[in-house]
């Protein structure tokens, strides 16, 4: 269970029957974490760095997992909702400011009394860079070593080692390698 210092530095609300797993050497500051429902799990791996992030888990059996050595920037909103969805961010990922990822629309859309907008999981591979204000919608995955451009909206799967940009995002370059350090 998180320490008292964790609760002081962050606004945390966790309903009973839910779990948080925070590994060593993490930096979590000024975050808002809300976990409602039952059997939900938040995992933040070793070396992850979060500042000013809003995390919402609401449902039954949902998971939100932030991988080892990943950085999540200010204003990011990460949401895993409904029943059995997962939002998984791989290792060594870099989420710039104001990135949004949601496994649910947050409301029902009905057609002939049947719901047509089911919640779906999101998977971000290892070493993925999501630039400022990128939006990743439910049901999408992004392959290892990829980049998503500023203000892009990901509505379908993006393969590994590519750059995707636009609304909706599409692959604009492939066979790329990116580095978190700027060489000039």
N, C-alpha and C. Protein backbone atom coordinates (compact mmCIF):
# COMPACT_ATOMS: atom_id res chain seq x y z
N UNK A 1 0.85 -1.19 0.00
CA UNK A 1 0.00 0.00 0.00
C UNK A 1 0.88 1.24 0.00
N UNK A 2 0.45 2.29 -0.66
CA UNK A 2 1.24 3.52 -0.73
C UNK A 2 1.47 4.14 0.64
N UNK A 3 2.59 4.84 0.77
CA UNK A 3 2.97 5.46 2.04
C UNK A 3 2.15 6.71 2.31
N UNK A 4 2.25 7.21 3.54
CA UNK A 4 1.59 8.45 3.94
C UNK A 4 2.10 9.61 3.09
N UNK A 5 3.41 9.64 2.82
CA UNK A 5 4.00 10.71 2.01
C UNK A 5 3.39 10.71 0.60
N UNK A 6 3.12 9.52 0.05
CA UNK A 6 2.47 9.41 -1.26
C UNK A 6 1.11 10.11 -1.22
N UNK A 7 0.34 9.88 -0.15
CA UNK A 7 -0.99 10.48 -0.02
C UNK A 7 -0.90 11.99 0.18
N UNK A 8 0.13 12.47 0.86
CA UNK A 8 0.29 13.90 1.09
C UNK A 8 0.65 14.62 -0.21
N UNK A 9 1.50 14.04 -1.02
CA UNK A 9 1.95 14.68 -2.27
C UNK A 9 0.94 14.56 -3.41
N UNK A 10 -0.06 13.72 -3.24
CA UNK A 10 -1.02 13.44 -4.30
C UNK A 10 -2.43 13.39 -3.72
N UNK A 11 -3.43 13.62 -4.55
CA UNK A 11 -4.82 13.48 -4.13
C UNK A 11 -5.26 12.08 -4.54
N UNK A 12 -5.51 11.22 -3.54
CA UNK A 12 -5.78 9.80 -3.81
C UNK A 12 -7.10 9.39 -3.17
N UNK A 13 -8.00 8.80 -3.98
CA UNK A 13 -9.25 8.25 -3.48
C UNK A 13 -9.36 6.82 -3.99
N UNK A 14 -9.40 5.86 -3.07
CA UNK A 14 -9.46 4.45 -3.44
C UNK A 14 -10.60 3.79 -2.68
N UNK A 15 -11.59 3.25 -3.39
CA UNK A 15 -12.66 2.50 -2.75
C UNK A 15 -12.11 1.15 -2.29
N UNK A 16 -12.72 0.57 -1.26
CA UNK A 16 -12.29 -0.74 -0.78
C UNK A 16 -12.49 -1.79 -1.87
N UNK A 17 -11.66 -2.82 -1.82
CA UNK A 17 -11.73 -3.88 -2.82
C UNK A 17 -10.90 -3.61 -4.07
N UNK A 18 -10.10 -2.55 -4.04
CA UNK A 18 -9.21 -2.20 -5.15
C UNK A 18 -7.77 -2.19 -4.67
N UNK A 19 -6.81 -2.19 -5.59
CA UNK A 19 -5.40 -2.27 -5.19
C UNK A 19 -4.53 -1.29 -5.96
N UNK A 20 -3.48 -0.83 -5.28
CA UNK A 20 -2.43 -0.04 -5.92
C UNK A 20 -1.11 -0.72 -5.63
N UNK A 21 -0.29 -0.89 -6.67
CA UNK A 21 1.04 -1.48 -6.55
C UNK A 21 2.04 -0.46 -7.07
N UNK A 22 2.84 0.09 -6.18
CA UNK A 22 3.84 1.08 -6.60
C UNK A 22 5.22 0.50 -6.30
N UNK A 23 6.03 0.36 -7.33
CA UNK A 23 7.35 -0.24 -7.18
C UNK A 23 8.37 0.82 -6.73
N UNK A 24 9.56 0.38 -6.41
CA UNK A 24 10.62 1.27 -5.90
C UNK A 24 11.04 2.31 -6.93
N UNK A 25 11.64 3.37 -6.40
CA UNK A 25 12.27 4.41 -7.22
C UNK A 25 11.31 5.11 -8.18
N UNK A 26 10.04 5.22 -7.80
CA UNK A 26 9.10 5.98 -8.63
C UNK A 26 9.04 7.41 -8.12
N UNK A 27 8.66 8.33 -9.01
CA UNK A 27 8.42 9.72 -8.62
C UNK A 27 6.99 10.05 -9.05
N UNK A 28 6.14 10.25 -8.05
CA UNK A 28 4.73 10.53 -8.31
C UNK A 28 4.37 11.78 -7.51
N UNK A 29 4.12 12.90 -8.24
CA UNK A 29 3.89 14.17 -7.58
C UNK A 29 2.69 14.89 -8.18
N UNK A 30 1.91 15.51 -7.30
CA UNK A 30 0.79 16.37 -7.71
C UNK A 30 -0.20 15.64 -8.61
N UNK A 31 -0.39 14.36 -8.39
CA UNK A 31 -1.31 13.57 -9.21
C UNK A 31 -2.65 13.41 -8.51
N UNK A 32 -3.70 13.22 -9.30
CA UNK A 32 -5.03 12.92 -8.80
C UNK A 32 -5.34 11.49 -9.22
N UNK A 33 -5.54 10.62 -8.24
CA UNK A 33 -5.79 9.20 -8.52
C UNK A 33 -7.12 8.83 -7.90
N UNK A 34 -8.03 8.31 -8.73
CA UNK A 34 -9.35 7.90 -8.26
C UNK A 34 -9.60 6.47 -8.73
N UNK A 35 -9.87 5.58 -7.77
CA UNK A 35 -10.17 4.18 -8.11
C UNK A 35 -11.49 3.83 -7.44
N UNK A 36 -12.53 3.59 -8.27
CA UNK A 36 -13.87 3.24 -7.78
C UNK A 36 -14.25 1.88 -8.35
N UNK A 37 -15.27 1.28 -7.77
CA UNK A 37 -15.71 -0.04 -8.22
C UNK A 37 -15.01 -1.11 -7.39
N UNK A 38 -14.81 -2.29 -7.98
CA UNK A 38 -14.18 -3.39 -7.25
C UNK A 38 -13.21 -4.15 -8.15
N UNK A 39 -12.23 -4.76 -7.50
CA UNK A 39 -11.24 -5.62 -8.16
C UNK A 39 -10.44 -4.90 -9.24
N UNK A 40 -10.25 -3.60 -9.07
CA UNK A 40 -9.46 -2.81 -10.01
C UNK A 40 -8.03 -2.72 -9.51
N UNK A 41 -7.08 -2.49 -10.42
CA UNK A 41 -5.67 -2.49 -10.06
C UNK A 41 -4.93 -1.37 -10.79
N UNK A 42 -4.14 -0.62 -10.04
CA UNK A 42 -3.20 0.36 -10.59
C UNK A 42 -1.80 -0.13 -10.29
N UNK A 43 -0.95 -0.27 -11.32
CA UNK A 43 0.44 -0.68 -11.15
C UNK A 43 1.33 0.40 -11.74
N UNK A 44 2.28 0.88 -10.94
CA UNK A 44 3.28 1.83 -11.41
C UNK A 44 4.64 1.20 -11.17
N UNK A 45 5.33 0.86 -12.26
CA UNK A 45 6.58 0.10 -12.19
C UNK A 45 7.77 0.96 -11.75
N UNK A 46 8.84 0.28 -11.42
CA UNK A 46 10.09 0.89 -10.96
C UNK A 46 10.57 1.98 -11.92
N UNK A 47 10.95 3.11 -11.35
CA UNK A 47 11.55 4.18 -12.13
C UNK A 47 10.57 5.06 -12.88
N UNK A 48 9.27 4.78 -12.79
CA UNK A 48 8.28 5.62 -13.48
C UNK A 48 8.26 7.01 -12.84
N UNK A 49 7.97 8.02 -13.66
CA UNK A 49 7.99 9.41 -13.21
C UNK A 49 6.70 10.08 -13.68
N UNK A 50 5.84 10.46 -12.74
CA UNK A 50 4.56 11.09 -13.05
C UNK A 50 4.46 12.41 -12.31
N UNK A 51 3.98 13.43 -13.01
CA UNK A 51 3.76 14.73 -12.35
C UNK A 51 2.51 15.37 -12.93
N UNK A 52 1.58 15.73 -12.04
CA UNK A 52 0.37 16.43 -12.46
C UNK A 52 -0.52 15.60 -13.36
N UNK A 53 -0.60 14.30 -13.11
CA UNK A 53 -1.35 13.37 -13.94
C UNK A 53 -2.68 13.03 -13.26
N UNK A 54 -3.73 12.87 -14.05
CA UNK A 54 -5.01 12.42 -13.52
C UNK A 54 -5.23 10.98 -13.96
N UNK A 55 -5.39 10.08 -12.97
CA UNK A 55 -5.62 8.66 -13.23
C UNK A 55 -7.00 8.30 -12.70
N UNK A 56 -7.81 7.67 -13.56
CA UNK A 56 -9.15 7.27 -13.17
C UNK A 56 -9.36 5.81 -13.54
N UNK A 57 -9.72 5.01 -12.55
CA UNK A 57 -10.11 3.62 -12.79
C UNK A 57 -11.48 3.47 -12.15
N UNK A 58 -12.46 3.03 -12.94
CA UNK A 58 -13.84 2.97 -12.45
C UNK A 58 -14.54 1.81 -13.13
N UNK A 59 -14.85 0.77 -12.37
CA UNK A 59 -15.54 -0.37 -12.95
C UNK A 59 -15.28 -1.62 -12.15
N UNK A 60 -15.27 -2.74 -12.85
CA UNK A 60 -15.04 -4.04 -12.21
C UNK A 60 -13.92 -4.73 -12.97
N UNK A 61 -12.83 -5.04 -12.26
CA UNK A 61 -11.72 -5.78 -12.85
C UNK A 61 -10.93 -5.02 -13.89
N UNK A 62 -10.84 -3.70 -13.76
CA UNK A 62 -10.06 -2.89 -14.70
C UNK A 62 -8.62 -2.74 -14.21
N UNK A 63 -7.70 -2.55 -15.14
CA UNK A 63 -6.28 -2.41 -14.81
C UNK A 63 -5.70 -1.21 -15.53
N UNK A 64 -4.84 -0.48 -14.83
CA UNK A 64 -4.04 0.57 -15.46
C UNK A 64 -2.61 0.31 -15.03
N UNK A 65 -1.72 0.11 -16.02
CA UNK A 65 -0.34 -0.31 -15.76
C UNK A 65 0.62 0.65 -16.45
N UNK A 66 1.50 1.26 -15.68
CA UNK A 66 2.52 2.17 -16.23
C UNK A 66 3.86 1.47 -16.09
N UNK A 67 4.53 1.26 -17.22
CA UNK A 67 5.75 0.46 -17.28
C UNK A 67 6.98 1.12 -16.69
N UNK A 68 7.97 0.29 -16.49
CA UNK A 68 9.26 0.67 -15.91
C UNK A 68 9.90 1.83 -16.68
N UNK A 69 10.40 2.81 -15.92
CA UNK A 69 11.14 3.97 -16.46
C UNK A 69 10.34 4.81 -17.45
N UNK A 70 9.02 4.76 -17.38
CA UNK A 70 8.20 5.61 -18.25
C UNK A 70 7.98 6.97 -17.59
N UNK A 71 7.82 8.00 -18.41
CA UNK A 71 7.59 9.37 -17.94
C UNK A 71 6.22 9.81 -18.44
N UNK A 72 5.39 10.31 -17.52
CA UNK A 72 4.06 10.79 -17.87
C UNK A 72 3.97 12.25 -17.46
N UNK A 73 3.78 13.13 -18.45
CA UNK A 73 3.85 14.57 -18.24
C UNK A 73 2.60 15.19 -17.65
N UNK A 74 2.73 16.47 -17.31
CA UNK A 74 1.65 17.22 -16.68
C UNK A 74 0.42 17.28 -17.57
N UNK A 75 -0.74 17.21 -16.91
CA UNK A 75 -2.00 17.34 -17.62
C UNK A 75 -2.47 16.09 -18.33
N UNK A 76 -1.72 14.99 -18.22
CA UNK A 76 -2.16 13.75 -18.86
C UNK A 76 -3.36 13.17 -18.12
N UNK A 77 -4.26 12.55 -18.87
CA UNK A 77 -5.46 11.93 -18.32
C UNK A 77 -5.48 10.48 -18.79
N UNK A 78 -5.42 9.54 -17.83
CA UNK A 78 -5.40 8.11 -18.13
C UNK A 78 -6.62 7.48 -17.48
N UNK A 79 -7.47 6.82 -18.27
CA UNK A 79 -8.73 6.30 -17.75
C UNK A 79 -8.98 4.88 -18.23
N UNK A 80 -9.18 3.96 -17.27
CA UNK A 80 -9.59 2.59 -17.56
C UNK A 80 -10.92 2.37 -16.86
N UNK A 81 -11.99 2.20 -17.65
CA UNK A 81 -13.34 2.15 -17.08
C UNK A 81 -14.14 0.97 -17.60
N UNK A 82 -15.20 0.71 -16.91
CA UNK A 82 -16.24 -0.27 -17.19
C UNK A 82 -15.87 -1.65 -16.65
N UNK A 83 -15.87 -2.69 -17.47
CA UNK A 83 -15.68 -4.05 -16.97
C UNK A 83 -14.52 -4.73 -17.71
N UNK A 84 -13.45 -5.04 -16.94
CA UNK A 84 -12.35 -5.84 -17.48
C UNK A 84 -11.46 -5.16 -18.50
N UNK A 85 -11.51 -3.85 -18.61
CA UNK A 85 -10.62 -3.18 -19.56
C UNK A 85 -9.24 -2.97 -18.95
N UNK A 86 -8.26 -2.81 -19.81
CA UNK A 86 -6.91 -2.49 -19.33
C UNK A 86 -6.32 -1.37 -20.17
N UNK A 87 -5.55 -0.54 -19.51
CA UNK A 87 -4.76 0.49 -20.19
C UNK A 87 -3.33 0.20 -19.78
N UNK A 88 -2.53 -0.27 -20.73
CA UNK A 88 -1.16 -0.70 -20.45
C UNK A 88 -0.19 0.18 -21.21
N UNK A 89 0.73 0.80 -20.48
CA UNK A 89 1.80 1.62 -21.05
C UNK A 89 3.09 0.85 -20.83
N UNK A 90 3.83 0.59 -21.88
CA UNK A 90 5.04 -0.22 -21.81
C UNK A 90 6.19 0.47 -21.08
N UNK A 91 7.35 -0.13 -21.16
CA UNK A 91 8.56 0.39 -20.52
C UNK A 91 9.18 1.51 -21.34
N UNK A 92 9.83 2.45 -20.65
CA UNK A 92 10.60 3.54 -21.26
C UNK A 92 9.77 4.40 -22.22
N UNK A 93 8.50 4.55 -21.93
CA UNK A 93 7.64 5.40 -22.75
C UNK A 93 7.75 6.85 -22.28
N UNK A 94 7.42 7.76 -23.18
CA UNK A 94 7.45 9.18 -22.86
C UNK A 94 6.12 9.79 -23.31
N UNK A 95 5.30 10.19 -22.34
CA UNK A 95 4.04 10.86 -22.62
C UNK A 95 4.23 12.33 -22.32
N UNK A 96 4.16 13.16 -23.34
CA UNK A 96 4.32 14.60 -23.16
C UNK A 96 3.07 15.17 -22.48
N UNK A 97 3.01 16.48 -22.38
CA UNK A 97 1.90 17.13 -21.68
C UNK A 97 0.56 16.87 -22.36
N UNK A 98 -0.47 16.76 -21.50
CA UNK A 98 -1.88 16.73 -21.93
C UNK A 98 -2.27 15.58 -22.85
N UNK A 99 -1.57 14.47 -22.75
CA UNK A 99 -1.97 13.26 -23.49
C UNK A 99 -3.20 12.67 -22.81
N UNK A 100 -4.14 12.17 -23.61
CA UNK A 100 -5.35 11.57 -23.07
C UNK A 100 -5.52 10.16 -23.63
N UNK A 101 -5.83 9.21 -22.72
CA UNK A 101 -6.12 7.83 -23.12
C UNK A 101 -7.33 7.35 -22.34
N UNK A 102 -8.34 6.84 -23.07
CA UNK A 102 -9.59 6.42 -22.44
C UNK A 102 -10.07 5.10 -23.04
N UNK A 103 -10.37 4.13 -22.17
CA UNK A 103 -10.88 2.84 -22.64
C UNK A 103 -12.38 2.86 -22.87
N UNK A 104 -13.03 3.96 -22.50
CA UNK A 104 -14.49 4.07 -22.57
C UNK A 104 -14.90 5.45 -23.05
N UNK A 105 -16.08 5.54 -23.65
CA UNK A 105 -16.64 6.83 -24.02
C UNK A 105 -17.24 7.54 -22.81
N UNK A 106 -17.47 6.81 -21.72
CA UNK A 106 -18.02 7.40 -20.51
C UNK A 106 -19.53 7.50 -20.51
N UNK A 107 -20.18 6.99 -21.55
CA UNK A 107 -21.64 7.01 -21.64
C UNK A 107 -22.06 5.95 -22.67
N UNK A 108 -23.33 5.59 -22.62
CA UNK A 108 -23.86 4.61 -23.57
C UNK A 108 -24.36 5.29 -24.84
N UNK A 109 -24.15 4.62 -25.96
CA UNK A 109 -24.81 4.99 -27.21
C UNK A 109 -25.62 3.76 -27.63
N UNK A 110 -26.92 3.94 -27.78
CA UNK A 110 -27.82 2.83 -28.07
C UNK A 110 -28.36 2.92 -29.48
N UNK A 111 -28.52 1.74 -30.08
CA UNK A 111 -29.18 1.63 -31.38
C UNK A 111 -30.16 0.48 -31.26
N UNK A 112 -31.44 0.77 -31.42
CA UNK A 112 -32.49 -0.24 -31.23
C UNK A 112 -32.34 -0.93 -29.87
N UNK A 113 -32.12 -0.16 -28.85
CA UNK A 113 -31.96 -0.56 -27.43
C UNK A 113 -30.68 -1.36 -27.15
N UNK A 114 -29.82 -1.56 -28.13
CA UNK A 114 -28.55 -2.27 -27.91
C UNK A 114 -27.41 -1.26 -27.87
N UNK A 115 -26.51 -1.47 -26.93
CA UNK A 115 -25.35 -0.58 -26.82
C UNK A 115 -24.37 -0.86 -27.96
N UNK A 116 -23.89 0.19 -28.60
CA UNK A 116 -23.00 0.04 -29.75
C UNK A 116 -21.60 0.59 -29.49
N UNK A 117 -21.34 1.07 -28.28
CA UNK A 117 -20.01 1.65 -28.00
C UNK A 117 -19.38 0.99 -26.77
N UNK A 118 -19.10 -0.29 -26.89
CA UNK A 118 -18.48 -1.04 -25.79
C UNK A 118 -17.09 -0.51 -25.47
N UNK A 119 -16.71 -0.59 -24.20
CA UNK A 119 -15.36 -0.22 -23.78
C UNK A 119 -14.37 -1.22 -24.37
N UNK A 120 -13.14 -0.75 -24.65
CA UNK A 120 -12.09 -1.62 -25.19
C UNK A 120 -10.75 -1.20 -24.61
N UNK A 121 -9.86 -2.16 -24.46
CA UNK A 121 -8.54 -1.92 -23.86
C UNK A 121 -7.62 -1.14 -24.79
N UNK A 122 -6.59 -0.55 -24.20
CA UNK A 122 -5.55 0.19 -24.92
C UNK A 122 -4.20 -0.41 -24.54
N UNK A 123 -3.32 -0.60 -25.53
CA UNK A 123 -1.97 -1.10 -25.23
C UNK A 123 -0.94 -0.23 -25.95
N UNK A 124 -0.03 0.33 -25.17
CA UNK A 124 1.08 1.12 -25.69
C UNK A 124 2.34 0.28 -25.51
N UNK A 125 3.07 0.03 -26.58
CA UNK A 125 4.27 -0.81 -26.53
C UNK A 125 5.40 -0.15 -25.76
N UNK A 126 6.57 -0.76 -25.80
CA UNK A 126 7.76 -0.22 -25.14
C UNK A 126 8.37 0.89 -25.98
N UNK A 127 8.97 1.87 -25.29
CA UNK A 127 9.72 2.95 -25.94
C UNK A 127 8.86 3.68 -26.98
N UNK A 128 7.69 4.13 -26.54
CA UNK A 128 6.77 4.89 -27.39
C UNK A 128 6.73 6.32 -26.89
N UNK A 129 6.75 7.27 -27.82
CA UNK A 129 6.68 8.69 -27.49
C UNK A 129 5.35 9.22 -27.99
N UNK A 130 4.53 9.72 -27.05
CA UNK A 130 3.26 10.37 -27.39
C UNK A 130 3.46 11.86 -27.16
N UNK A 131 3.42 12.65 -28.23
CA UNK A 131 3.70 14.09 -28.15
C UNK A 131 2.51 14.84 -27.52
N UNK A 132 2.73 16.12 -27.25
CA UNK A 132 1.73 16.97 -26.58
C UNK A 132 0.33 16.80 -27.18
N UNK A 133 -0.64 16.67 -26.29
CA UNK A 133 -2.07 16.67 -26.65
C UNK A 133 -2.50 15.51 -27.54
N UNK A 134 -1.71 14.45 -27.62
CA UNK A 134 -2.14 13.27 -28.38
C UNK A 134 -3.32 12.63 -27.64
N UNK A 135 -4.25 12.06 -28.39
CA UNK A 135 -5.41 11.36 -27.83
C UNK A 135 -5.40 9.94 -28.38
N UNK A 136 -5.46 8.96 -27.46
CA UNK A 136 -5.48 7.55 -27.85
C UNK A 136 -6.85 7.02 -27.44
N UNK A 137 -7.65 6.61 -28.42
CA UNK A 137 -9.00 6.16 -28.14
C UNK A 137 -9.06 4.67 -27.86
N UNK A 138 -10.18 4.24 -27.30
CA UNK A 138 -10.40 2.85 -26.89
C UNK A 138 -10.14 1.88 -28.04
N UNK A 139 -9.60 0.71 -27.68
CA UNK A 139 -9.38 -0.34 -28.66
C UNK A 139 -8.11 -0.22 -29.48
N UNK A 140 -7.29 0.79 -29.22
CA UNK A 140 -6.08 1.01 -30.02
C UNK A 140 -4.85 0.42 -29.36
N UNK A 141 -3.89 0.05 -30.20
CA UNK A 141 -2.57 -0.34 -29.71
C UNK A 141 -1.53 0.40 -30.54
N UNK A 142 -0.40 0.67 -29.91
CA UNK A 142 0.72 1.33 -30.59
C UNK A 142 1.94 0.46 -30.39
N UNK A 143 2.59 0.08 -31.48
CA UNK A 143 3.74 -0.82 -31.43
C UNK A 143 4.98 -0.19 -30.84
N UNK A 144 5.93 -1.02 -30.46
CA UNK A 144 7.19 -0.59 -29.86
C UNK A 144 7.91 0.43 -30.74
N UNK A 145 8.60 1.37 -30.09
CA UNK A 145 9.51 2.33 -30.74
C UNK A 145 8.82 3.32 -31.68
N UNK A 146 7.53 3.54 -31.51
CA UNK A 146 6.81 4.47 -32.38
C UNK A 146 6.66 5.85 -31.74
N UNK A 147 6.27 6.83 -32.58
CA UNK A 147 6.03 8.21 -32.15
C UNK A 147 4.66 8.62 -32.67
N UNK A 148 3.88 9.29 -31.81
CA UNK A 148 2.61 9.88 -32.22
C UNK A 148 2.75 11.39 -32.09
N UNK A 149 2.45 12.12 -33.18
CA UNK A 149 2.69 13.55 -33.25
C UNK A 149 1.74 14.40 -32.41
N UNK A 150 2.11 15.67 -32.27
CA UNK A 150 1.34 16.65 -31.50
C UNK A 150 -0.09 16.73 -32.03
N UNK A 151 -1.06 16.78 -31.09
CA UNK A 151 -2.50 16.94 -31.40
C UNK A 151 -3.09 15.82 -32.25
N UNK A 152 -2.42 14.69 -32.33
CA UNK A 152 -2.94 13.57 -33.13
C UNK A 152 -4.00 12.80 -32.36
N UNK A 153 -4.94 12.21 -33.09
CA UNK A 153 -5.99 11.38 -32.50
C UNK A 153 -5.85 9.98 -33.08
N UNK A 154 -5.46 9.02 -32.24
CA UNK A 154 -5.26 7.64 -32.67
C UNK A 154 -6.59 6.91 -32.55
N UNK A 155 -7.11 6.45 -33.70
CA UNK A 155 -8.40 5.76 -33.75
C UNK A 155 -8.27 4.30 -34.16
N UNK A 156 -7.06 3.89 -34.57
CA UNK A 156 -6.82 2.50 -34.97
C UNK A 156 -5.39 2.13 -34.60
N UNK A 157 -5.04 0.87 -34.73
CA UNK A 157 -3.72 0.39 -34.33
C UNK A 157 -2.62 1.03 -35.16
N UNK A 158 -1.50 1.33 -34.49
CA UNK A 158 -0.32 1.90 -35.12
C UNK A 158 0.81 0.88 -34.98
N UNK A 159 1.49 0.50 -36.07
CA UNK A 159 2.57 -0.49 -35.96
C UNK A 159 3.81 0.08 -35.26
N UNK A 160 4.78 -0.77 -35.02
CA UNK A 160 6.02 -0.36 -34.39
C UNK A 160 6.95 0.38 -35.33
N UNK A 161 7.89 1.12 -34.75
CA UNK A 161 8.96 1.82 -35.47
C UNK A 161 8.44 2.76 -36.56
N UNK A 162 7.40 3.54 -36.22
CA UNK A 162 6.89 4.49 -37.20
C UNK A 162 6.48 5.79 -36.51
N UNK A 163 6.22 6.81 -37.32
CA UNK A 163 5.65 8.06 -36.84
C UNK A 163 4.23 8.14 -37.39
N UNK A 164 3.27 8.40 -36.50
CA UNK A 164 1.87 8.59 -36.90
C UNK A 164 1.46 9.99 -36.47
N UNK A 165 0.70 10.67 -37.31
CA UNK A 165 0.25 12.02 -36.98
C UNK A 165 -1.05 12.32 -37.69
N UNK A 166 -1.78 13.31 -37.17
CA UNK A 166 -3.00 13.78 -37.79
C UNK A 166 -4.24 13.40 -37.02
N UNK A 167 -5.40 13.82 -37.56
CA UNK A 167 -6.69 13.52 -36.97
C UNK A 167 -7.63 13.08 -38.09
N UNK A 168 -7.83 11.76 -38.24
CA UNK A 168 -7.25 10.69 -37.43
C UNK A 168 -5.78 10.45 -37.78
N UNK A 169 -5.05 9.90 -36.82
CA UNK A 169 -3.61 9.65 -37.03
C UNK A 169 -3.41 8.59 -38.10
N UNK A 170 -2.40 8.82 -38.94
CA UNK A 170 -2.00 7.83 -39.94
C UNK A 170 -0.48 7.80 -39.97
N UNK A 171 0.07 6.69 -40.42
CA UNK A 171 1.53 6.54 -40.48
C UNK A 171 2.07 7.47 -41.56
N UNK A 172 3.04 8.32 -41.17
CA UNK A 172 3.66 9.22 -42.15
C UNK A 172 5.12 8.88 -42.42
N UNK A 173 5.75 8.09 -41.54
CA UNK A 173 7.12 7.58 -41.76
C UNK A 173 7.23 6.24 -41.07
N UNK A 174 8.02 5.34 -41.67
CA UNK A 174 8.25 4.06 -41.00
C UNK A 174 9.75 3.78 -40.91
N UNK A 175 10.09 2.69 -40.26
CA UNK A 175 11.49 2.28 -40.04
C UNK A 175 12.29 3.35 -39.29
N UNK A 176 11.67 3.97 -38.28
CA UNK A 176 12.35 5.05 -37.55
C UNK A 176 12.91 4.53 -36.22
N UNK A 177 13.84 5.30 -35.69
CA UNK A 177 14.36 5.11 -34.33
C UNK A 177 14.33 6.48 -33.69
N UNK A 178 13.86 6.58 -32.45
CA UNK A 178 13.86 7.87 -31.78
C UNK A 178 14.63 7.76 -30.47
N UNK A 179 15.12 8.92 -30.02
CA UNK A 179 15.92 8.99 -28.80
C UNK A 179 15.37 10.12 -27.94
N UNK A 180 15.28 9.90 -26.64
CA UNK A 180 14.73 10.93 -25.75
C UNK A 180 15.70 12.09 -25.52
N UNK A 181 16.94 11.92 -25.91
CA UNK A 181 17.92 13.00 -25.79
C UNK A 181 18.08 13.70 -27.13
N UNK A 182 18.18 15.02 -27.08
CA UNK A 182 18.36 15.81 -28.29
C UNK A 182 19.84 16.00 -28.56
N UNK A 183 20.28 15.57 -29.73
CA UNK A 183 21.68 15.76 -30.13
C UNK A 183 21.75 16.88 -31.14
N UNK A 184 22.57 17.89 -30.87
CA UNK A 184 22.70 19.01 -31.81
C UNK A 184 24.11 19.49 -31.89
